[in-house]
PDB file of N, CA and C in Angstrom:
ATOM      1  N   MET A   1       0.768  -1.212   0.042  1.00  0.00           N
ATOM      2  CA  MET A   1      -0.010   0.006  -0.006  1.00  0.00           C
ATOM      3  C   MET A   1       0.864   1.218   0.073  1.00  0.00           C
ATOM      4  N   ARG A   2       0.467   2.093  -0.836  1.00  0.00           N
ATOM      5  CA  ARG A   2       1.389   3.389  -0.981  1.00  0.00           C
ATOM      6  C   ARG A   2       0.719   4.437   0.010  1.00  0.00           C
ATOM      7  N   THR A   3       1.629   5.073   0.641  1.00  0.00           N
ATOM      8  CA  THR A   3       1.224   6.224   1.633  1.00  0.00           C
ATOM      9  C   THR A   3       1.609   7.562   1.068  1.00  0.00           C
ATOM     10  N   GLN A   4       0.754   8.534   1.030  1.00  0.00           N
ATOM     11  CA  GLN A   4       1.085   9.778   0.687  1.00  0.00           C
ATOM     12  C   GLN A   4       1.386  10.684   1.790  1.00  0.00           C
ATOM     13  N   HIS A   5       2.456  11.356   1.851  1.00  0.00           N
ATOM     14  CA  HIS A   5       2.747  12.311   2.945  1.00  0.00           C
ATOM     15  C   HIS A   5       2.500  13.683   2.450  1.00  0.00           C
ATOM     16  N   SER A   6       1.624  14.287   3.005  1.00  0.00           N
ATOM     17  CA  SER A   6       1.436  15.603   2.645  1.00  0.00           C
ATOM     18  C   SER A   6       2.134  16.546   3.575  1.00  0.00           C
ATOM     19  N   SER A   7       3.047  17.394   3.031  1.00  0.00           N
ATOM     20  CA  SER A   7       3.891  18.196   3.879  1.00  0.00           C
ATOM     21  C   SER A   7       3.023  19.370   4.334  1.00  0.00           C
ATOM     22  N   ILE A   8       2.990  19.465   5.726  1.00  0.00           N
ATOM     23  CA  ILE A   8       2.251  20.597   6.362  1.00  0.00           C
ATOM     24  C   ILE A   8       3.153  21.711   6.504  1.00  0.00           C
ATOM     25  N   ARG A   9       2.942  22.835   5.809  1.00  0.00           N
ATOM     26  CA  ARG A   9       3.902  23.901   5.985  1.00  0.00           C
ATOM     27  C   ARG A   9       3.201  24.877   7.072  1.00  0.00           C
ATOM     28  N   GLU A  10       4.159  25.265   7.967  1.00  0.00           N
ATOM     29  CA  GLU A  10       3.701  26.212   8.888  1.00  0.00           C
ATOM     30  C   GLU A  10       3.382  27.582   8.342  1.00  0.00           C
ATOM     31  N   ALA A  11       2.373  28.208   8.684  1.00  0.00           N
ATOM     32  CA  ALA A  11       2.049  29.446   8.065  1.00  0.00           C
ATOM     33  C   ALA A  11       3.232  30.400   8.365  1.00  0.00           C
ATOM     34  N   GLU A  12       3.656  31.103   7.161  1.00  0.00           N
ATOM     35  CA  GLU A  12       4.618  32.062   7.278  1.00  0.00           C
ATOM     36  C   GLU A  12       4.058  33.421   7.639  1.00  0.00           C
ATOM     37  N   PRO A  13       4.851  34.282   8.355  1.00  0.00           N
ATOM     38  CA  PRO A  13       4.297  35.648   8.765  1.00  0.00           C
ATOM     39  C   PRO A  13       4.185  36.415   7.432  1.00  0.00           C
ATOM     40  N   PRO A  14       3.307  37.362   7.488  1.00  0.00           N
ATOM     41  CA  PRO A  14       3.269  38.197   6.263  1.00  0.00           C
ATOM     42  C   PRO A  14       4.365  38.986   6.080  1.00  0.00           C
ATOM     43  N   ARG A  15       4.802  39.171   4.722  1.00  0.00           N
ATOM     44  CA  ARG A  15       5.952  39.990   4.314  1.00  0.00           C
ATOM     45  C   ARG A  15       5.626  41.380   4.192  1.00  0.00           C
ATOM     46  N   VAL A  16       4.377  41.686   3.923  1.00  0.00           N
ATOM     47  CA  VAL A  16       3.914  42.972   3.762  1.00  0.00           C
ATOM     48  C   VAL A  16       2.619  43.288   4.545  1.00  0.00           C
ATOM     49  N   PHE A  17       2.325  44.562   4.804  1.00  0.00           N
ATOM     50  CA  PHE A  17       1.134  44.905   5.514  1.00  0.00           C
ATOM     51  C   PHE A  17       0.506  46.110   4.714  1.00  0.00           C
ATOM     52  N   SER A  18      -0.791  46.209   4.833  1.00  0.00           N
ATOM     53  CA  SER A  18      -1.462  47.434   4.386  1.00  0.00           C
ATOM     54  C   SER A  18      -0.968  48.618   5.277  1.00  0.00           C
ATOM     55  N   ILE A  19      -1.171  49.762   4.594  1.00  0.00           N
ATOM     56  CA  ILE A  19      -0.788  51.075   5.377  1.00  0.00           C
ATOM     57  C   ILE A  19      -1.584  51.142   6.604  1.00  0.00           C
ATOM     58  N   THR A  20      -2.875  50.747   6.639  1.00  0.00           N
ATOM     59  CA  THR A  20      -3.604  50.857   7.827  1.00  0.00           C
ATOM     60  C   THR A  20      -3.244  49.852   8.901  1.00  0.00           C
ATOM     61  N   ASP A  21      -2.884  48.712   8.456  1.00  0.00           N
ATOM     62  CA  ASP A  21      -2.333  47.617   9.468  1.00  0.00           C
ATOM     63  C   ASP A  21      -0.959  48.041  10.023  1.00  0.00           C
ATOM     64  N   ALA A  22      -0.095  48.696   9.152  1.00  0.00           N
ATOM     65  CA  ALA A  22       1.197  49.020   9.672  1.00  0.00           C
ATOM     66  C   ALA A  22       1.007  50.311  10.573  1.00  0.00           C
ATOM     67  N   ALA A  23       0.176  51.133  10.276  1.00  0.00           N
ATOM     68  CA  ALA A  23      -0.234  52.306  11.272  1.00  0.00           C
ATOM     69  C   ALA A  23      -0.639  51.820  12.614  1.00  0.00           C
ATOM     70  N   GLU A  24      -1.451  50.775  12.615  1.00  0.00           N
ATOM     71  CA  GLU A  24      -1.833  50.241  13.896  1.00  0.00           C
ATOM     72  C   GLU A  24      -0.718  49.644  14.588  1.00  0.00           C
ATOM     73  N   MET A  25       0.108  48.966  13.912  1.00  0.00           N
ATOM     74  CA  MET A  25       1.264  48.313  14.615  1.00  0.00           C
ATOM     75  C   MET A  25       2.296  49.334  15.103  1.00  0.00           C
ATOM     76  N   LEU A  26       2.316  50.426  14.638  1.00  0.00           N
ATOM     77  CA  LEU A  26       3.299  51.551  15.073  1.00  0.00           C
ATOM     78  C   LEU A  26       2.585  52.433  15.882  1.00  0.00           C
ATOM     79  N   GLY A  27       1.259  52.320  16.023  1.00  0.00           N
ATOM     80  CA  GLY A  27       0.563  53.244  16.945  1.00  0.00           C
ATOM     81  C   GLY A  27       0.343  54.633  16.575  1.00  0.00           C
ATOM     82  N   VAL A  28       0.253  54.782  15.137  1.00  0.00           N
ATOM     83  CA  VAL A  28       0.038  56.088  14.571  1.00  0.00           C
ATOM     84  C   VAL A  28      -1.129  56.052  13.712  1.00  0.00           C
ATOM     85  N   SER A  29      -1.587  57.239  13.297  1.00  0.00           N
ATOM     86  CA  SER A  29      -2.708  57.341  12.286  1.00  0.00           C
ATOM     87  C   SER A  29      -2.218  56.864  10.872  1.00  0.00           C
ATOM     88  N   ARG A  30      -3.266  56.635  10.147  1.00  0.00           N
ATOM     89  CA  ARG A  30      -2.992  56.261   8.601  1.00  0.00           C
ATOM     90  C   ARG A  30      -2.386  57.443   7.980  1.00  0.00           C
ATOM     91  N   SER A  31      -2.769  58.710   8.268  1.00  0.00           N
ATOM     92  CA  SER A  31      -2.373  59.967   7.611  1.00  0.00           C
ATOM     93  C   SER A  31      -0.887  60.106   8.119  1.00  0.00           C
ATOM     94  N   HIS A  32      -0.616  59.743   9.283  1.00  0.00           N
ATOM     95  CA  HIS A  32       0.742  60.017   9.888  1.00  0.00           C
ATOM     96  C   HIS A  32       1.729  59.175   9.063  1.00  0.00           C
ATOM     97  N   MET A  33       1.348  57.989   8.619  1.00  0.00           N
ATOM     98  CA  MET A  33       2.264  57.182   7.858  1.00  0.00           C
ATOM     99  C   MET A  33       2.681  57.780   6.640  1.00  0.00           C
ATOM    100  N   TYR A  34       1.886  58.630   5.997  1.00  0.00           N
ATOM    101  CA  TYR A  34       2.285  59.312   4.773  1.00  0.00           C
ATOM    102  C   TYR A  34       3.323  60.384   5.243  1.00  0.00           C
ATOM    103  N   THR A  35       3.099  61.057   6.318  1.00  0.00           N
ATOM    104  CA  THR A  35       4.060  62.063   6.869  1.00  0.00           C
ATOM    105  C   THR A  35       5.465  61.374   7.064  1.00  0.00           C
ATOM    106  N   LEU A  36       5.359  60.209   7.810  1.00  0.00           N
ATOM    107  CA  LEU A  36       6.592  59.386   8.096  1.00  0.00           C
ATOM    108  C   LEU A  36       7.364  58.962   6.773  1.00  0.00           C
ATOM    109  N   ARG A  37       6.488  58.730   5.658  1.00  0.00           N
ATOM    110  CA  ARG A  37       7.106  58.295   4.361  1.00  0.00           C
ATOM    111  C   ARG A  37       7.794  59.547   3.800  1.00  0.00           C
ATOM    112  N   SER A  38       7.059  60.720   3.779  1.00  0.00           N
ATOM    113  CA  SER A  38       7.694  61.930   3.175  1.00  0.00           C
ATOM    114  C   SER A  38       8.973  62.375   3.944  1.00  0.00           C
ATOM    115  N   GLU A  39       9.063  62.118   5.213  1.00  0.00           N
ATOM    116  CA  GLU A  39      10.233  62.437   6.097  1.00  0.00           C
ATOM    117  C   GLU A  39      11.350  61.392   5.941  1.00  0.00           C
ATOM    118  N   GLY A  40      10.997  60.340   5.254  1.00  0.00           N
ATOM    119  CA  GLY A  40      12.133  59.288   5.000  1.00  0.00           C
ATOM    120  C   GLY A  40      12.270  58.298   6.258  1.00  0.00           C
ATOM    121  N   VAL A  41      11.258  58.246   7.076  1.00  0.00           N
ATOM    122  CA  VAL A  41      11.355  57.399   8.266  1.00  0.00           C
ATOM    123  C   VAL A  41      10.966  55.968   7.828  1.00  0.00           C
ATOM    124  N   ILE A  42       9.979  55.749   6.935  1.00  0.00           N
ATOM    125  CA  ILE A  42       9.607  54.573   6.630  1.00  0.00           C
ATOM    126  C   ILE A  42       9.372  54.476   5.022  1.00  0.00           C
ATOM    127  N   ARG A  43       9.390  53.371   4.367  1.00  0.00           N
ATOM    128  CA  ARG A  43       9.303  53.086   3.024  1.00  0.00           C
ATOM    129  C   ARG A  43       8.061  52.366   2.592  1.00  0.00           C
ATOM    130  N   PHE A  44       7.369  52.770   1.630  1.00  0.00           N
ATOM    131  CA  PHE A  44       6.324  52.024   1.107  1.00  0.00           C
ATOM    132  C   PHE A  44       6.678  51.415  -0.215  1.00  0.00           C
ATOM    133  N   VAL A  45       6.186  50.356  -0.623  1.00  0.00           N
ATOM    134  CA  VAL A  45       6.396  49.793  -1.981  1.00  0.00           C
ATOM    135  C   VAL A  45       5.013  49.453  -2.645  1.00  0.00           C
ATOM    136  N   LYS A  46       5.193  49.629  -4.083  1.00  0.00           N
ATOM    137  CA  LYS A  46       3.980  49.105  -4.851  1.00  0.00           C
ATOM    138  C   LYS A  46       4.067  47.663  -5.171  1.00  0.00           C
ATOM    139  N   LEU A  47       3.045  47.047  -4.839  1.00  0.00           N
ATOM    140  CA  LEU A  47       2.899  45.530  -5.204  1.00  0.00           C
ATOM    141  C   LEU A  47       1.678  45.360  -5.952  1.00  0.00           C
ATOM    142  N   LEU A  48       1.878  45.210  -7.241  1.00  0.00           N
ATOM    143  CA  LEU A  48       0.832  45.159  -8.211  1.00  0.00           C
ATOM    144  C   LEU A  48       0.067  46.520  -8.057  1.00  0.00           C
ATOM    145  N   ASN A  49      -1.193  46.527  -7.697  1.00  0.00           N
ATOM    146  CA  ASN A  49      -1.961  47.711  -7.738  1.00  0.00           C
ATOM    147  C   ASN A  49      -2.127  48.222  -6.255  1.00  0.00           C
ATOM    148  N   ARG A  50      -1.442  47.748  -5.354  1.00  0.00           N
ATOM    149  CA  ARG A  50      -1.466  48.105  -3.906  1.00  0.00           C
ATOM    150  C   ARG A  50      -0.208  48.761  -3.297  1.00  0.00           C
ATOM    151  N   THR A  51      -0.350  49.645  -2.415  1.00  0.00           N
ATOM    152  CA  THR A  51       0.700  50.256  -1.731  1.00  0.00           C
ATOM    153  C   THR A  51       0.836  49.597  -0.405  1.00  0.00           C
ATOM    154  N   VAL A  52       1.845  48.924  -0.100  1.00  0.00           N
ATOM    155  CA  VAL A  52       2.109  48.279   1.108  1.00  0.00           C
ATOM    156  C   VAL A  52       3.432  48.652   1.765  1.00  0.00           C
ATOM    157  N   VAL A  53       3.521  48.194   3.012  1.00  0.00           N
ATOM    158  CA  VAL A  53       4.648  48.536   3.867  1.00  0.00           C
ATOM    159  C   VAL A  53       5.297  47.169   4.171  1.00  0.00           C
ATOM    160  N   PRO A  54       6.586  46.957   3.811  1.00  0.00           N
ATOM    161  CA  PRO A  54       7.262  45.723   3.984  1.00  0.00           C
ATOM    162  C   PRO A  54       7.289  45.427   5.571  1.00  0.00           C
ATOM    163  N   ALA A  55       7.304  44.269   5.954  1.00  0.00           N
ATOM    164  CA  ALA A  55       7.340  43.904   7.347  1.00  0.00           C
ATOM    165  C   ALA A  55       8.754  44.296   7.857  1.00  0.00           C
ATOM    166  N   SER A  56       9.742  44.195   6.997  1.00  0.00           N
ATOM    167  CA  SER A  56      11.075  44.607   7.387  1.00  0.00           C
ATOM    168  C   SER A  56      11.159  46.092   7.763  1.00  0.00           C
ATOM    169  N   GLU A  57      10.344  46.898   7.071  1.00  0.00           N
ATOM    170  CA  GLU A  57      10.412  48.284   7.410  1.00  0.00           C
ATOM    171  C   GLU A  57       9.741  48.509   8.810  1.00  0.00           C
ATOM    172  N   ILE A  58       8.646  47.886   9.159  1.00  0.00           N
ATOM    173  CA  ILE A  58       7.948  48.043  10.450  1.00  0.00           C
ATOM    174  C   ILE A  58       9.019  47.596  11.570  1.00  0.00           C
ATOM    175  N   GLU A  59       9.714  46.342  11.299  1.00  0.00           N
ATOM    176  CA  GLU A  59      10.620  45.917  12.285  1.00  0.00           C
ATOM    177  C   GLU A  59      11.820  46.843  12.464  1.00  0.00           C
ATOM    178  N   ARG A  60      12.232  47.447  11.439  1.00  0.00           N
ATOM    179  CA  ARG A  60      13.323  48.512  11.451  1.00  0.00           C
ATOM    180  C   ARG A  60      12.912  49.710  12.179  1.00  0.00           C
ATOM    181  N   VAL A  61      11.823  50.199  12.042  1.00  0.00           N
ATOM    182  CA  VAL A  61      11.323  51.408  12.776  1.00  0.00           C
ATOM    183  C   VAL A  61      11.097  51.022  14.208  1.00  0.00           C
ATOM    184  N   LEU A  62      10.514  49.882  14.475  1.00  0.00           N
ATOM    185  CA  LEU A  62      10.260  49.539  15.815  1.00  0.00           C
ATOM    186  C   LEU A  62      11.629  49.341  16.676  1.00  0.00           C
ATOM    187  N   SER A  63      12.656  48.770  15.918  1.00  0.00           N
ATOM    188  CA  SER A  63      13.808  48.495  16.672  1.00  0.00           C
ATOM    189  C   SER A  63      14.925  49.706  16.600  1.00  0.00           C
ATOM    190  N   SER A  64      14.552  50.660  15.857  1.00  0.00           N
ATOM    191  CA  SER A  64      15.468  51.720  15.726  1.00  0.00           C
ATOM    192  C   SER A  64      15.551  52.741  16.984  1.00  0.00           C
ATOM    193  N   GLY A  65      14.588  52.581  17.743  1.00  0.00           N
ATOM    194  CA  GLY A  65      14.364  53.583  18.968  1.00  0.00           C
ATOM    195  C   GLY A  65      13.843  54.791  18.565  1.00  0.00           C
ATOM    196  N   ASP A  66      13.735  55.116  17.470  1.00  0.00           N
ATOM    197  CA  ASP A  66      13.106  56.409  17.023  1.00  0.00           C
ATOM    198  C   ASP A  66      11.561  56.138  17.222  1.00  0.00           C
ATOM    199  N   SER A  67      10.838  57.155  17.644  1.00  0.00           N
ATOM    200  CA  SER A  67       9.525  57.057  17.828  1.00  0.00           C
ATOM    201  C   SER A  67       8.702  57.442  16.690  1.00  0.00           C
ATOM    202  N   ALA A  68       8.031  56.457  16.096  1.00  0.00           N
ATOM    203  CA  ALA A  68       7.164  56.778  14.854  1.00  0.00           C
ATOM    204  C   ALA A  68       6.003  57.831  15.161  1.00  0.00           C
ATOM    205  N   SER A  69       5.671  57.879  16.516  1.00  0.00           N
ATOM    206  CA  SER A  69       4.581  58.634  16.763  1.00  0.00           C
ATOM    207  C   SER A  69       4.958  60.152  16.952  1.00  0.00           C
ATOM    208  N   GLY A  70       6.248  60.367  16.974  1.00  0.00           N
ATOM    209  CA  GLY A  70       6.751  61.790  17.046  1.00  0.00           C
ATOM    210  C   GLY A  70       6.947  62.247  18.589  1.00  0.00           C
ATOM    211  N   GLU A  71       6.765  61.201  19.519  1.00  0.00           N
ATOM    212  CA  GLU A  71       6.894  61.580  20.904  1.00  0.00           C
ATOM    213  C   GLU A  71       8.372  61.491  21.195  1.00  0.00           C
ATOM    214  N   VAL A  72       8.844  62.282  22.131  1.00  0.00           N
ATOM    215  CA  VAL A  72      10.172  62.195  22.532  1.00  0.00           C
ATOM    216  C   VAL A  72      10.143  61.681  23.832  1.00  0.00           C
ATOM    217  N   ALA A  73      11.074  60.705  24.079  1.00  0.00           N
ATOM    218  CA  ALA A  73      11.118  60.043  25.385  1.00  0.00           C
ATOM    219  C   ALA A  73      11.981  60.761  26.405  1.00  0.00           C
TER     220      ALA A  73
END
């Protein structure tokens, strides 16, 4: 009897997020995300017909110690 093994792949974390989701993760408004982009704090990319934020950008901003919200510690 032949057995088929289906490989169960663990769900990979998302590589990109919507601007709204990224804003929530950073604790800022959606409109502030555009300000952060224009100030060079965060980078957006076009993915087909969507503008998204790479997960690596969110991780970088969170780990940089800079406050995305504009608050000074």
